[in-house]
Amino acid sequence: MTLDAFCDHTTSVADEEIHQHYTELLRSAGTILYGRVTYQLMEYWPPLVKDPTGNKAMDEFAVVMNDIPKIVFSNTLKKLEWETARLATKSLKEEVLELRQQPGKDVLVGSRSLIIALLNMKLIDEFQLCVQPIIAGKGLKLFENITDRIDLTLFNTKTFSNTGSMLFSYKPVYK
């Protein structure tokens, strides 16, 4: 995310340090949820598993991204090519509530629209914001369409020394 709260993927810089962080995050998770648009953007990674770039951090991220189970919410996609992905068969709320009942690892949310919807449903337990020292001036606002005020409790920070990006970990306080 940029300093001015835009989350367009074209504005961010993912260097080795950031790739390593998100590789570890994916390794610690059991599932990641995507909307159609973000899922299709993530289809960038499987070819890198078969034909690595030579950049160790990027190639490791590709392998972990390829392996993590994915649930995709789409009204238009009828079939998914990724072996580790499946189309959601229930509503977002039903899928998330069912996942929360299962033992295992965390569920990650990788799409802006799903983050907003789940925040509005009070179903996000914590989130990380990686703020990059960029002012984009335009793009997709991350917190557009939040229906109610949500206070946040900061529980961790991390600085990425190469880019000057900051990671803020928050727990929402729902009222």
N, C-alpha and C. Protein backbone atom coordinates (compact mmCIF):
# COMPACT_ATOMS: atom_id res chain seq x y z
N MET A 1 0.85 -1.16 0.00
CA MET A 1 0.00 0.00 0.00
C MET A 1 0.90 1.23 0.00
N THR A 2 0.48 2.26 -0.68
CA THR A 2 1.25 3.50 -0.71
C THR A 2 0.92 4.36 0.50
N LEU A 3 1.72 5.38 0.73
CA LEU A 3 1.46 6.29 1.85
C LEU A 3 0.10 6.95 1.76
N ASP A 4 -0.39 7.14 0.53
CA ASP A 4 -1.70 7.77 0.38
C ASP A 4 -2.83 6.72 0.24
N ALA A 5 -2.57 5.49 0.72
CA ALA A 5 -3.57 4.43 0.91
C ALA A 5 -4.07 3.78 -0.37
N PHE A 6 -3.28 3.81 -1.43
CA PHE A 6 -3.65 3.11 -2.64
C PHE A 6 -3.00 1.73 -2.65
N CYS A 7 -3.72 0.74 -3.18
CA CYS A 7 -3.21 -0.63 -3.12
C CYS A 7 -3.11 -1.28 -4.48
N ASP A 8 -2.95 -0.51 -5.50
CA ASP A 8 -2.76 -1.03 -6.85
C ASP A 8 -1.42 -1.76 -6.92
N HIS A 9 -1.42 -2.98 -7.41
CA HIS A 9 -0.20 -3.80 -7.44
C HIS A 9 0.92 -3.16 -8.28
N THR A 10 0.57 -2.28 -9.20
CA THR A 10 1.61 -1.69 -10.05
C THR A 10 2.41 -0.60 -9.35
N THR A 11 1.96 -0.16 -8.19
CA THR A 11 2.67 0.92 -7.49
C THR A 11 3.68 0.41 -6.48
N SER A 12 3.61 -0.87 -6.14
CA SER A 12 4.47 -1.38 -5.06
C SER A 12 5.79 -1.93 -5.60
N VAL A 13 6.74 -2.05 -4.67
CA VAL A 13 8.05 -2.59 -4.98
C VAL A 13 8.24 -3.84 -4.11
N ALA A 14 8.39 -4.99 -4.76
CA ALA A 14 8.59 -6.23 -4.00
C ALA A 14 10.02 -6.70 -4.22
N ASP A 15 10.89 -6.32 -3.33
CA ASP A 15 12.29 -6.73 -3.42
C ASP A 15 12.48 -8.07 -2.70
N GLU A 16 13.72 -8.51 -2.58
CA GLU A 16 14.04 -9.79 -1.96
C GLU A 16 13.53 -9.88 -0.52
N GLU A 17 13.72 -8.82 0.24
CA GLU A 17 13.32 -8.81 1.65
C GLU A 17 11.80 -8.94 1.79
N ILE A 18 11.06 -8.24 0.97
CA ILE A 18 9.60 -8.31 1.02
C ILE A 18 9.12 -9.68 0.54
N HIS A 19 9.72 -10.21 -0.52
CA HIS A 19 9.36 -11.56 -0.97
C HIS A 19 9.61 -12.58 0.15
N GLN A 20 10.72 -12.46 0.86
CA GLN A 20 11.01 -13.41 1.95
C GLN A 20 9.95 -13.32 3.04
N HIS A 21 9.55 -12.11 3.40
CA HIS A 21 8.53 -11.95 4.43
C HIS A 21 7.24 -12.65 4.02
N TYR A 22 6.78 -12.39 2.80
CA TYR A 22 5.52 -12.96 2.36
C TYR A 22 5.62 -14.46 2.08
N THR A 23 6.80 -14.95 1.76
CA THR A 23 7.00 -16.40 1.64
C THR A 23 6.77 -17.05 2.99
N GLU A 24 7.34 -16.48 4.04
CA GLU A 24 7.15 -17.04 5.39
C GLU A 24 5.69 -16.93 5.83
N LEU A 25 5.04 -15.84 5.51
CA LEU A 25 3.63 -15.68 5.85
C LEU A 25 2.80 -16.77 5.17
N LEU A 26 3.04 -17.00 3.89
CA LEU A 26 2.31 -18.04 3.17
C LEU A 26 2.60 -19.43 3.73
N ARG A 27 3.85 -19.67 4.12
CA ARG A 27 4.21 -20.97 4.69
C ARG A 27 3.46 -21.24 5.99
N SER A 28 3.14 -20.19 6.73
CA SER A 28 2.48 -20.36 8.02
C SER A 28 0.96 -20.43 7.89
N ALA A 29 0.45 -20.28 6.68
CA ALA A 29 -1.00 -20.25 6.47
C ALA A 29 -1.49 -21.57 5.89
N GLY A 30 -2.79 -21.78 6.02
CA GLY A 30 -3.39 -22.99 5.49
C GLY A 30 -4.14 -22.77 4.19
N THR A 31 -4.63 -21.54 3.99
CA THR A 31 -5.46 -21.22 2.83
C THR A 31 -5.34 -19.74 2.55
N ILE A 32 -5.52 -19.38 1.28
CA ILE A 32 -5.61 -17.96 0.93
C ILE A 32 -6.87 -17.76 0.09
N LEU A 33 -7.57 -16.67 0.36
CA LEU A 33 -8.81 -16.35 -0.35
C LEU A 33 -8.53 -15.25 -1.37
N TYR A 34 -9.08 -15.43 -2.56
CA TYR A 34 -8.93 -14.45 -3.64
C TYR A 34 -10.25 -14.17 -4.31
N GLY A 35 -10.40 -12.97 -4.80
CA GLY A 35 -11.43 -12.64 -5.77
C GLY A 35 -10.87 -12.95 -7.15
N ARG A 36 -11.70 -12.85 -8.15
CA ARG A 36 -11.29 -13.21 -9.50
C ARG A 36 -10.10 -12.40 -10.00
N VAL A 37 -10.15 -11.09 -9.86
CA VAL A 37 -9.10 -10.23 -10.42
C VAL A 37 -7.74 -10.55 -9.80
N THR A 38 -7.68 -10.62 -8.49
CA THR A 38 -6.40 -10.90 -7.83
C THR A 38 -5.93 -12.31 -8.14
N TYR A 39 -6.86 -13.26 -8.17
CA TYR A 39 -6.49 -14.63 -8.53
C TYR A 39 -5.82 -14.64 -9.91
N GLN A 40 -6.41 -13.94 -10.85
CA GLN A 40 -5.84 -13.93 -12.20
C GLN A 40 -4.47 -13.24 -12.22
N LEU A 41 -4.27 -12.23 -11.38
CA LEU A 41 -2.95 -11.61 -11.26
C LEU A 41 -1.93 -12.61 -10.70
N MET A 42 -2.36 -13.43 -9.75
CA MET A 42 -1.47 -14.40 -9.11
C MET A 42 -1.08 -15.55 -10.04
N GLU A 43 -1.81 -15.71 -11.13
CA GLU A 43 -1.46 -16.74 -12.10
C GLU A 43 -0.10 -16.47 -12.77
N TYR A 44 0.49 -15.36 -12.43
CA TYR A 44 1.85 -15.02 -12.85
C TYR A 44 2.86 -16.02 -12.30
N TRP A 45 2.60 -16.58 -11.11
CA TRP A 45 3.60 -17.36 -10.37
C TRP A 45 3.82 -18.80 -10.84
N PRO A 46 2.80 -19.60 -11.22
CA PRO A 46 3.07 -20.99 -11.59
C PRO A 46 4.13 -21.19 -12.68
N PRO A 47 4.18 -20.37 -13.73
CA PRO A 47 5.24 -20.58 -14.72
C PRO A 47 6.65 -20.44 -14.13
N LEU A 48 6.80 -19.64 -13.07
CA LEU A 48 8.11 -19.46 -12.46
C LEU A 48 8.56 -20.70 -11.68
N VAL A 49 7.61 -21.54 -11.29
CA VAL A 49 7.96 -22.80 -10.62
C VAL A 49 8.64 -23.72 -11.64
N LYS A 50 8.09 -23.75 -12.84
CA LYS A 50 8.65 -24.60 -13.90
C LYS A 50 9.90 -24.00 -14.52
N ASP A 51 9.97 -22.67 -14.57
CA ASP A 51 11.10 -21.98 -15.19
C ASP A 51 11.56 -20.85 -14.26
N PRO A 52 12.32 -21.19 -13.19
CA PRO A 52 12.74 -20.19 -12.19
C PRO A 52 13.52 -19.02 -12.80
N THR A 53 13.42 -17.89 -12.12
CA THR A 53 14.06 -16.67 -12.59
C THR A 53 15.55 -16.61 -12.25
N GLY A 54 15.94 -17.36 -11.22
CA GLY A 54 17.31 -17.26 -10.72
C GLY A 54 17.40 -16.34 -9.51
N ASN A 55 16.33 -15.59 -9.24
CA ASN A 55 16.25 -14.76 -8.05
C ASN A 55 15.68 -15.66 -6.94
N LYS A 56 16.53 -16.03 -5.97
CA LYS A 56 16.17 -17.02 -4.96
C LYS A 56 14.88 -16.66 -4.21
N ALA A 57 14.76 -15.42 -3.75
CA ALA A 57 13.58 -15.02 -2.97
C ALA A 57 12.32 -15.08 -3.82
N MET A 58 12.40 -14.63 -5.05
CA MET A 58 11.25 -14.64 -5.94
C MET A 58 10.85 -16.08 -6.30
N ASP A 59 11.84 -16.92 -6.56
CA ASP A 59 11.56 -18.31 -6.93
C ASP A 59 10.97 -19.09 -5.75
N GLU A 60 11.44 -18.84 -4.53
CA GLU A 60 10.86 -19.49 -3.34
C GLU A 60 9.42 -19.04 -3.14
N PHE A 61 9.17 -17.75 -3.33
CA PHE A 61 7.82 -17.24 -3.21
C PHE A 61 6.90 -17.93 -4.22
N ALA A 62 7.38 -18.10 -5.44
CA ALA A 62 6.59 -18.75 -6.49
C ALA A 62 6.20 -20.17 -6.07
N VAL A 63 7.14 -20.92 -5.51
CA VAL A 63 6.87 -22.30 -5.08
C VAL A 63 5.82 -22.32 -3.97
N VAL A 64 6.00 -21.47 -2.97
CA VAL A 64 5.05 -21.44 -1.85
C VAL A 64 3.68 -20.96 -2.32
N MET A 65 3.65 -19.94 -3.17
CA MET A 65 2.39 -19.44 -3.72
C MET A 65 1.70 -20.53 -4.53
N ASN A 66 2.47 -21.29 -5.26
CA ASN A 66 1.92 -22.37 -6.07
C ASN A 66 1.29 -23.45 -5.18
N ASP A 67 1.91 -23.72 -4.04
CA ASP A 67 1.49 -24.83 -3.18
C ASP A 67 0.32 -24.52 -2.25
N ILE A 68 0.15 -23.29 -1.84
CA ILE A 68 -0.89 -22.99 -0.84
C ILE A 68 -2.29 -23.18 -1.43
N PRO A 69 -3.19 -23.83 -0.69
CA PRO A 69 -4.57 -23.95 -1.17
C PRO A 69 -5.22 -22.57 -1.31
N LYS A 70 -5.97 -22.41 -2.39
CA LYS A 70 -6.62 -21.14 -2.70
C LYS A 70 -8.12 -21.36 -2.88
N ILE A 71 -8.91 -20.44 -2.35
CA ILE A 71 -10.35 -20.45 -2.60
C ILE A 71 -10.64 -19.15 -3.34
N VAL A 72 -11.28 -19.27 -4.50
CA VAL A 72 -11.51 -18.13 -5.38
C VAL A 72 -13.01 -17.82 -5.43
N PHE A 73 -13.33 -16.56 -5.18
CA PHE A 73 -14.72 -16.09 -5.23
C PHE A 73 -14.92 -15.37 -6.55
N SER A 74 -15.75 -15.97 -7.40
CA SER A 74 -15.98 -15.40 -8.72
C SER A 74 -17.36 -15.80 -9.22
N ASN A 75 -18.03 -14.85 -9.85
CA ASN A 75 -19.30 -15.15 -10.50
C ASN A 75 -19.11 -15.46 -11.97
N THR A 76 -17.90 -15.22 -12.50
CA THR A 76 -17.68 -15.40 -13.93
C THR A 76 -16.79 -16.59 -14.26
N LEU A 77 -15.82 -16.90 -13.42
CA LEU A 77 -14.95 -18.04 -13.69
C LEU A 77 -15.73 -19.34 -13.47
N LYS A 78 -15.60 -20.27 -14.37
CA LYS A 78 -16.27 -21.57 -14.25
C LYS A 78 -15.28 -22.69 -13.96
N LYS A 79 -14.01 -22.43 -14.24
CA LYS A 79 -12.98 -23.45 -14.09
C LYS A 79 -11.67 -22.75 -13.75
N LEU A 80 -10.87 -23.39 -12.90
CA LEU A 80 -9.57 -22.85 -12.52
C LEU A 80 -8.48 -23.80 -13.00
N GLU A 81 -7.40 -23.23 -13.51
CA GLU A 81 -6.29 -24.04 -14.02
C GLU A 81 -5.34 -24.49 -12.90
N TRP A 82 -5.23 -23.68 -11.86
CA TRP A 82 -4.28 -23.94 -10.78
C TRP A 82 -4.76 -25.15 -9.99
N GLU A 83 -3.92 -26.17 -9.85
CA GLU A 83 -4.29 -27.39 -9.14
C GLU A 83 -4.65 -27.15 -7.68
N THR A 84 -4.04 -26.15 -7.06
CA THR A 84 -4.26 -25.89 -5.64
C THR A 84 -5.36 -24.86 -5.40
N ALA A 85 -6.17 -24.59 -6.43
CA ALA A 85 -7.25 -23.60 -6.30
C ALA A 85 -8.59 -24.26 -6.55
N ARG A 86 -9.59 -23.75 -5.85
CA ARG A 86 -10.96 -24.20 -6.10
C ARG A 86 -11.89 -22.99 -6.05
N LEU A 87 -12.96 -23.07 -6.79
CA LEU A 87 -13.97 -22.02 -6.74
C LEU A 87 -14.78 -22.17 -5.46
N ALA A 88 -15.10 -21.06 -4.84
CA ALA A 88 -15.95 -21.08 -3.65
C ALA A 88 -17.31 -21.62 -4.04
N THR A 89 -17.86 -22.45 -3.17
CA THR A 89 -19.19 -23.02 -3.42
C THR A 89 -20.26 -22.39 -2.54
N LYS A 90 -19.81 -21.60 -1.57
CA LYS A 90 -20.72 -20.93 -0.64
C LYS A 90 -20.44 -19.44 -0.68
N SER A 91 -21.22 -18.68 0.06
CA SER A 91 -20.97 -17.24 0.17
C SER A 91 -19.65 -17.01 0.91
N LEU A 92 -19.12 -15.81 0.79
CA LEU A 92 -17.88 -15.46 1.48
C LEU A 92 -18.03 -15.71 2.98
N LYS A 93 -19.12 -15.25 3.55
CA LYS A 93 -19.33 -15.42 4.99
C LYS A 93 -19.39 -16.89 5.37
N GLU A 94 -20.13 -17.68 4.62
CA GLU A 94 -20.25 -19.11 4.93
C GLU A 94 -18.91 -19.83 4.81
N GLU A 95 -18.16 -19.53 3.75
CA GLU A 95 -16.85 -20.17 3.56
C GLU A 95 -15.91 -19.83 4.71
N VAL A 96 -15.88 -18.55 5.10
CA VAL A 96 -14.96 -18.12 6.16
C VAL A 96 -15.38 -18.72 7.50
N LEU A 97 -16.65 -18.70 7.80
CA LEU A 97 -17.11 -19.29 9.07
C LEU A 97 -16.80 -20.78 9.11
N GLU A 98 -16.93 -21.47 7.99
CA GLU A 98 -16.60 -22.89 7.94
C GLU A 98 -15.09 -23.11 8.13
N LEU A 99 -14.28 -22.31 7.48
CA LEU A 99 -12.82 -22.41 7.63
C LEU A 99 -12.39 -22.16 9.07
N ARG A 100 -13.05 -21.22 9.73
CA ARG A 100 -12.70 -20.88 11.11
C ARG A 100 -12.99 -22.04 12.06
N GLN A 101 -13.89 -22.91 11.70
CA GLN A 101 -14.24 -24.05 12.56
C GLN A 101 -13.25 -25.20 12.42
N GLN A 102 -12.48 -25.18 11.35
CA GLN A 102 -11.53 -26.27 11.10
C GLN A 102 -10.22 -26.01 11.84
N PRO A 103 -9.64 -27.06 12.41
CA PRO A 103 -8.33 -26.88 13.03
C PRO A 103 -7.28 -26.66 11.94
N GLY A 104 -6.22 -26.00 12.30
CA GLY A 104 -5.15 -25.82 11.33
C GLY A 104 -4.60 -24.42 11.32
N LYS A 105 -4.05 -24.07 10.20
CA LYS A 105 -3.33 -22.82 10.06
C LYS A 105 -4.26 -21.66 9.72
N ASP A 106 -3.69 -20.46 9.72
CA ASP A 106 -4.44 -19.25 9.43
C ASP A 106 -4.99 -19.22 8.01
N VAL A 107 -6.04 -18.43 7.85
CA VAL A 107 -6.61 -18.16 6.54
C VAL A 107 -6.18 -16.74 6.17
N LEU A 108 -5.55 -16.61 5.02
CA LEU A 108 -5.13 -15.30 4.53
C LEU A 108 -6.15 -14.79 3.52
N VAL A 109 -6.25 -13.47 3.43
CA VAL A 109 -7.14 -12.85 2.45
C VAL A 109 -6.27 -12.00 1.54
N GLY A 110 -6.28 -12.32 0.25
CA GLY A 110 -5.37 -11.66 -0.67
C GLY A 110 -6.01 -10.68 -1.62
N SER A 111 -7.28 -10.36 -1.45
CA SER A 111 -7.96 -9.45 -2.37
C SER A 111 -8.59 -8.29 -1.61
N ARG A 112 -8.41 -7.11 -2.16
CA ARG A 112 -8.94 -5.89 -1.56
C ARG A 112 -10.45 -6.00 -1.31
N SER A 113 -11.21 -6.45 -2.29
CA SER A 113 -12.66 -6.52 -2.14
C SER A 113 -13.07 -7.48 -1.02
N LEU A 114 -12.33 -8.56 -0.87
CA LEU A 114 -12.64 -9.52 0.19
C LEU A 114 -12.26 -8.97 1.56
N ILE A 115 -11.15 -8.24 1.62
CA ILE A 115 -10.75 -7.59 2.88
C ILE A 115 -11.84 -6.64 3.34
N ILE A 116 -12.32 -5.80 2.44
CA ILE A 116 -13.36 -4.83 2.77
C ILE A 116 -14.63 -5.55 3.23
N ALA A 117 -15.05 -6.56 2.46
CA ALA A 117 -16.28 -7.29 2.81
C ALA A 117 -16.14 -7.96 4.18
N LEU A 118 -14.99 -8.59 4.44
CA LEU A 118 -14.81 -9.29 5.71
C LEU A 118 -14.66 -8.32 6.88
N LEU A 119 -14.06 -7.17 6.66
CA LEU A 119 -14.02 -6.16 7.72
C LEU A 119 -15.44 -5.70 8.04
N ASN A 120 -16.25 -5.47 7.03
CA ASN A 120 -17.64 -5.06 7.25
C ASN A 120 -18.45 -6.15 7.95
N MET A 121 -18.09 -7.41 7.76
CA MET A 121 -18.77 -8.53 8.44
C MET A 121 -18.15 -8.84 9.79
N LYS A 122 -17.08 -8.10 10.15
CA LYS A 122 -16.36 -8.30 11.41
C LYS A 122 -15.74 -9.70 11.49
N LEU A 123 -15.18 -10.15 10.38
CA LEU A 123 -14.61 -11.48 10.32
C LEU A 123 -13.10 -11.49 10.06
N ILE A 124 -12.45 -10.37 10.23
CA ILE A 124 -10.99 -10.34 10.13
C ILE A 124 -10.45 -10.21 11.55
N ASP A 125 -9.58 -11.15 11.93
CA ASP A 125 -9.01 -11.15 13.27
C ASP A 125 -7.78 -10.27 13.37
N GLU A 126 -7.00 -10.23 12.30
CA GLU A 126 -5.81 -9.37 12.27
C GLU A 126 -5.42 -9.15 10.83
N PHE A 127 -4.68 -8.08 10.59
CA PHE A 127 -4.16 -7.87 9.26
C PHE A 127 -2.85 -7.12 9.28
N GLN A 128 -2.14 -7.29 8.21
CA GLN A 128 -0.85 -6.62 8.02
C GLN A 128 -1.00 -5.61 6.89
N LEU A 129 -0.49 -4.43 7.14
CA LEU A 129 -0.41 -3.42 6.09
C LEU A 129 1.06 -3.15 5.83
N CYS A 130 1.48 -3.37 4.61
CA CYS A 130 2.84 -3.03 4.22
C CYS A 130 2.75 -1.68 3.51
N VAL A 131 3.24 -0.65 4.18
CA VAL A 131 3.17 0.71 3.64
C VAL A 131 4.51 1.05 3.01
N GLN A 132 4.46 1.36 1.74
CA GLN A 132 5.68 1.69 1.01
C GLN A 132 5.83 3.20 0.87
N PRO A 133 7.07 3.69 0.90
CA PRO A 133 7.30 5.14 0.82
C PRO A 133 7.09 5.66 -0.60
N ILE A 134 5.84 5.58 -1.03
CA ILE A 134 5.44 6.00 -2.37
C ILE A 134 4.15 6.80 -2.22
N ILE A 135 4.05 7.89 -2.94
CA ILE A 135 2.78 8.61 -3.04
C ILE A 135 2.31 8.41 -4.47
N ALA A 136 1.24 7.65 -4.63
CA ALA A 136 0.76 7.28 -5.97
C ALA A 136 -0.11 8.37 -6.59
N GLY A 137 -0.88 9.05 -5.75
CA GLY A 137 -1.75 10.09 -6.27
C GLY A 137 -3.07 9.59 -6.82
N LYS A 138 -3.14 8.33 -7.20
CA LYS A 138 -4.39 7.76 -7.71
C LYS A 138 -4.29 6.24 -7.66
N GLY A 139 -5.44 5.60 -7.82
CA GLY A 139 -5.49 4.15 -7.80
C GLY A 139 -6.64 3.64 -6.95
N LEU A 140 -6.55 2.39 -6.56
CA LEU A 140 -7.58 1.77 -5.72
C LEU A 140 -7.30 2.08 -4.25
N LYS A 141 -8.25 2.68 -3.59
CA LYS A 141 -8.13 2.95 -2.15
C LYS A 141 -8.44 1.66 -1.40
N LEU A 142 -7.55 1.29 -0.48
CA LEU A 142 -7.73 0.04 0.25
C LEU A 142 -9.00 0.06 1.09
N PHE A 143 -9.26 1.11 1.82
CA PHE A 143 -10.36 1.09 2.78
C PHE A 143 -11.61 1.82 2.29
N GLU A 144 -11.81 1.80 1.00
CA GLU A 144 -13.02 2.37 0.43
C GLU A 144 -14.20 1.48 0.79
N ASN A 145 -15.32 2.06 1.09
CA ASN A 145 -16.57 1.33 1.34
C ASN A 145 -16.62 0.58 2.67
N ILE A 146 -15.85 1.01 3.65
CA ILE A 146 -16.00 0.47 4.99
C ILE A 146 -17.26 1.12 5.58
N THR A 147 -18.16 0.29 6.12
CA THR A 147 -19.45 0.83 6.54
C THR A 147 -19.45 1.44 7.94
N ASP A 148 -18.64 0.93 8.84
CA ASP A 148 -18.61 1.43 10.22
C ASP A 148 -17.17 1.69 10.65
N ARG A 149 -17.03 2.54 11.63
CA ARG A 149 -15.71 2.79 12.20
C ARG A 149 -15.15 1.50 12.79
N ILE A 150 -13.86 1.29 12.56
CA ILE A 150 -13.16 0.14 13.14
C ILE A 150 -11.89 0.68 13.78
N ASP A 151 -11.79 0.54 15.10
CA ASP A 151 -10.55 0.90 15.77
C ASP A 151 -9.57 -0.26 15.62
N LEU A 152 -8.29 0.07 15.62
CA LEU A 152 -7.26 -0.94 15.43
C LEU A 152 -6.28 -0.93 16.58
N THR A 153 -5.83 -2.11 16.95
CA THR A 153 -4.78 -2.25 17.97
C THR A 153 -3.52 -2.73 17.28
N LEU A 154 -2.47 -1.92 17.35
CA LEU A 154 -1.19 -2.29 16.76
C LEU A 154 -0.50 -3.29 17.66
N PHE A 155 -0.06 -4.44 17.09
CA PHE A 155 0.64 -5.41 17.92
C PHE A 155 2.03 -5.77 17.41
N ASN A 156 2.39 -5.28 16.22
CA ASN A 156 3.73 -5.56 15.72
C ASN A 156 4.07 -4.61 14.57
N THR A 157 5.35 -4.31 14.44
CA THR A 157 5.83 -3.54 13.30
C THR A 157 7.11 -4.18 12.79
N LYS A 158 7.40 -3.92 11.55
CA LYS A 158 8.64 -4.41 10.95
C LYS A 158 9.06 -3.40 9.89
N THR A 159 10.34 -3.10 9.85
CA THR A 159 10.86 -2.20 8.83
C THR A 159 11.65 -3.02 7.81
N PHE A 160 11.37 -2.79 6.55
CA PHE A 160 12.15 -3.40 5.48
C PHE A 160 13.24 -2.41 5.09
N SER A 161 14.46 -2.78 5.41
CA SER A 161 15.56 -1.83 5.29
C SER A 161 15.89 -1.44 3.86
N ASN A 162 15.70 -2.35 2.92
CA ASN A 162 16.06 -2.05 1.53
C ASN A 162 15.16 -1.00 0.89
N THR A 163 13.88 -1.06 1.18
CA THR A 163 12.93 -0.15 0.53
C THR A 163 12.43 0.97 1.45
N GLY A 164 12.63 0.81 2.76
CA GLY A 164 12.07 1.77 3.69
C GLY A 164 10.59 1.53 3.94
N SER A 165 10.08 0.41 3.47
CA SER A 165 8.68 0.06 3.70
C SER A 165 8.50 -0.34 5.16
N MET A 166 7.30 -0.14 5.66
CA MET A 166 6.95 -0.50 7.04
C MET A 166 5.76 -1.45 7.01
N LEU A 167 5.87 -2.48 7.84
CA LEU A 167 4.78 -3.42 8.00
C LEU A 167 4.13 -3.16 9.35
N PHE A 168 2.83 -2.96 9.34
CA PHE A 168 2.07 -2.72 10.56
C PHE A 168 1.08 -3.88 10.72
N SER A 169 1.12 -4.54 11.87
CA SER A 169 0.19 -5.63 12.15
C SER A 169 -0.84 -5.14 13.16
N TYR A 170 -2.10 -5.29 12.80
CA TYR A 170 -3.20 -4.77 13.60
C TYR A 170 -4.23 -5.84 13.90
N LYS A 171 -4.91 -5.64 15.03
CA LYS A 171 -6.10 -6.43 15.35
C LYS A 171 -7.26 -5.44 15.36
N PRO A 172 -8.31 -5.71 14.57
CA PRO A 172 -9.48 -4.83 14.59
C PRO A 172 -10.22 -4.95 15.92
N VAL A 173 -10.75 -3.84 16.39
CA VAL A 173 -11.59 -3.82 17.58
C VAL A 173 -12.99 -3.47 17.09
N TYR A 174 -13.84 -4.49 16.95
CA TYR A 174 -15.19 -4.30 16.43
C TYR A 174 -16.11 -3.86 17.55
N LYS A 175 -17.04 -2.99 17.21
CA LYS A 175 -18.03 -2.52 18.19
C LYS A 175 -19.40 -3.01 17.84
